C-alpha atoms as a PDB file:
ATOM      1  CA  MET A   1      23.016 -25.769   1.913  1.00  0.00           C
ATOM      2  CA  VAL A   2      24.194 -23.439   4.681  1.00  0.00           C
ATOM      3  CA  LEU A   3      26.162 -21.358   2.186  1.00  0.00           C
ATOM      4  CA  PHE A   4      23.063 -21.008  -0.004  1.00  0.00           C
ATOM      5  CA  LEU A   5      20.922 -19.748   2.913  1.00  0.00           C
ATOM      6  CA  PHE A   6      23.623 -17.331   4.045  1.00  0.00           C
ATOM      7  CA  ARG A   7      24.040 -15.971   0.524  1.00  0.00           C
ATOM      8  CA  ASN A   8      20.279 -15.353   0.178  1.00  0.00           C
ATOM      9  CA  SER A   9      20.164 -13.494   3.499  1.00  0.00           C
ATOM     10  CA  LEU A  10      22.770 -11.083   2.166  1.00  0.00           C
ATOM     11  CA  LEU A  11      20.442 -10.226  -0.717  1.00  0.00           C
ATOM     12  CA  CYS A  12      17.521  -9.346   1.577  1.00  0.00           C
ATOM     13  CA  LYS A  13      16.897  -5.643   2.055  1.00  0.00           C
ATOM     14  CA  SER A  14      14.922  -3.427   4.357  1.00  0.00           C
ATOM     15  CA  ARG A  15      12.161  -1.810   2.297  1.00  0.00           C
ATOM     16  CA  ASN A  16      10.080   1.111   3.564  1.00  0.00           C
ATOM     17  CA  PHE A  17       6.935   2.498   1.956  1.00  0.00           C
ATOM     18  CA  GLU A  18       4.549   5.328   2.796  1.00  0.00           C
ATOM     19  CA  LEU A  19       0.910   5.283   1.705  1.00  0.00           C
ATOM     20  CA  THR A  20      -1.778   7.926   2.068  1.00  0.00           C
ATOM     21  CA  ILE A  21      -5.402   6.926   1.709  1.00  0.00           C
ATOM     22  CA  GLU A  22      -7.967   9.549   0.740  1.00  0.00           C
ATOM     23  CA  ASP A  23     -11.409   9.916  -0.793  1.00  0.00           C
ATOM     24  CA  THR A  24     -11.571  10.650  -4.489  1.00  0.00           C
ATOM     25  CA  ILE A  25     -14.014  10.673  -7.370  1.00  0.00           C
ATOM     26  CA  ILE A  26     -12.939   9.253 -10.709  1.00  0.00           C
ATOM     27  CA  THR A  27     -14.625   9.277 -14.102  1.00  0.00           C
ATOM     28  CA  LEU A  28     -15.000   5.781 -15.506  1.00  0.00           C
ATOM     29  CA  VAL A  29     -16.594   6.479 -18.905  1.00  0.00           C
ATOM     30  CA  LYS A  30     -18.037   9.713 -20.240  1.00  0.00           C
ATOM     31  CA  ASP A  31     -20.045  11.255 -17.397  1.00  0.00           C
ATOM     32  CA  GLN A  32     -20.110   8.239 -15.082  1.00  0.00           C
ATOM     33  CA  LYS A  33     -18.516   9.270 -11.769  1.00  0.00           C
ATOM     34  CA  PHE A  34     -17.425   6.789  -9.120  1.00  0.00           C
ATOM     35  CA  HIS A  35     -16.499   7.411  -5.485  1.00  0.00           C
ATOM     36  CA  THR A  36     -13.454   5.407  -4.395  1.00  0.00           C
ATOM     37  CA  PHE A  37     -10.252   5.627  -2.396  1.00  0.00           C
ATOM     38  CA  ALA A  38      -6.913   6.746  -3.784  1.00  0.00           C
ATOM     39  CA  PHE A  39      -3.590   5.467  -2.517  1.00  0.00           C
ATOM     40  CA  ASN A  40      -0.850   8.087  -2.884  1.00  0.00           C
ATOM     41  CA  GLY A  41      -3.245   9.894  -5.230  1.00  0.00           C
ATOM     42  CA  GLN A  42      -3.479   6.888  -7.550  1.00  0.00           C
ATOM     43  CA  VAL A  43      -6.357   4.608  -8.539  1.00  0.00           C
ATOM     44  CA  PRO A  44      -5.469   1.783  -8.495  1.00  0.00           C
ATOM     45  CA  GLY A  45      -2.789   2.248  -5.843  1.00  0.00           C
ATOM     46  CA  PRO A  46       0.949   1.902  -6.484  1.00  0.00           C
ATOM     47  CA  LEU A  47       2.561  -1.470  -7.017  1.00  0.00           C
ATOM     48  CA  ILE A  48       4.940  -2.396  -4.214  1.00  0.00           C
ATOM     49  CA  HIS A  49       7.936  -4.496  -5.235  1.00  0.00           C
ATOM     50  CA  VAL A  50       9.576  -6.697  -2.605  1.00  0.00           C
ATOM     51  CA  LYS A  51      11.457  -9.944  -2.619  1.00  0.00           C
ATOM     52  CA  TYR A  52      11.035 -13.004  -0.444  1.00  0.00           C
ATOM     53  CA  GLY A  53      12.881 -12.452   2.808  1.00  0.00           C
ATOM     54  CA  ASP A  54      12.853  -8.634   2.662  1.00  0.00           C
ATOM     55  CA  ASP A  55      12.016  -6.725   5.829  1.00  0.00           C
ATOM     56  CA  VAL A  56       8.983  -4.627   4.791  1.00  0.00           C
ATOM     57  CA  THR A  57       7.557  -1.608   6.624  1.00  0.00           C
ATOM     58  CA  VAL A  58       4.476   0.228   5.344  1.00  0.00           C
ATOM     59  CA  LYS A  59       3.557   3.515   7.023  1.00  0.00           C
ATOM     60  CA  VAL A  60      -0.108   4.361   6.343  1.00  0.00           C
ATOM     61  CA  ALA A  61      -1.739   7.784   6.724  1.00  0.00           C
ATOM     62  CA  ASN A  62      -5.511   7.350   6.591  1.00  0.00           C
ATOM     63  CA  LEU A  63      -6.896  10.729   5.465  1.00  0.00           C
ATOM     64  CA  ILE A  64     -10.463   9.478   5.030  1.00  0.00           C
ATOM     65  CA  THR A  65     -12.732  11.955   6.793  1.00  0.00           C
ATOM     66  CA  HIS A  66     -15.880   9.880   7.191  1.00  0.00           C
ATOM     67  CA  SER A  67     -16.740   6.709   9.045  1.00  0.00           C
ATOM     68  CA  ASN A  68     -17.665   3.761   6.852  1.00  0.00           C
ATOM     69  CA  LYS A  69     -17.843   0.124   7.920  1.00  0.00           C
ATOM     70  CA  GLU A  70     -16.455  -1.003   4.565  1.00  0.00           C
ATOM     71  CA  THR A  71     -13.196   0.981   4.665  1.00  0.00           C
ATOM     72  CA  GLY A  72     -11.244  -1.254   7.014  1.00  0.00           C
ATOM     73  CA  LYS A  73      -9.188  -0.238  10.003  1.00  0.00           C
ATOM     74  CA  PHE A  74      -5.560   0.715  10.291  1.00  0.00           C
ATOM     75  CA  CYS A  75      -4.200   0.391  13.819  1.00  0.00           C
ATOM     76  CA  LYS A  76      -0.848   1.320  15.256  1.00  0.00           C
ATOM     77  CA  PRO A  77       1.167  -1.714  16.366  1.00  0.00           C
END
């Protein structure tokens, strides 16, 4: 069992991601516009692939220019 745990820890990696959040307007169908937030310029945001045990760091740049109670808060640790 100890060998199995040690072997899995060797497979774990440090994974770093950077995300920017900004306001955007997308067209859903025909002329229907929708205000939303883009992550790295994408709606929906990018898929982040990690494995169990990985050390994950996500650096977030919140470029939203208005205050809105529904946007959530990103605080420095």
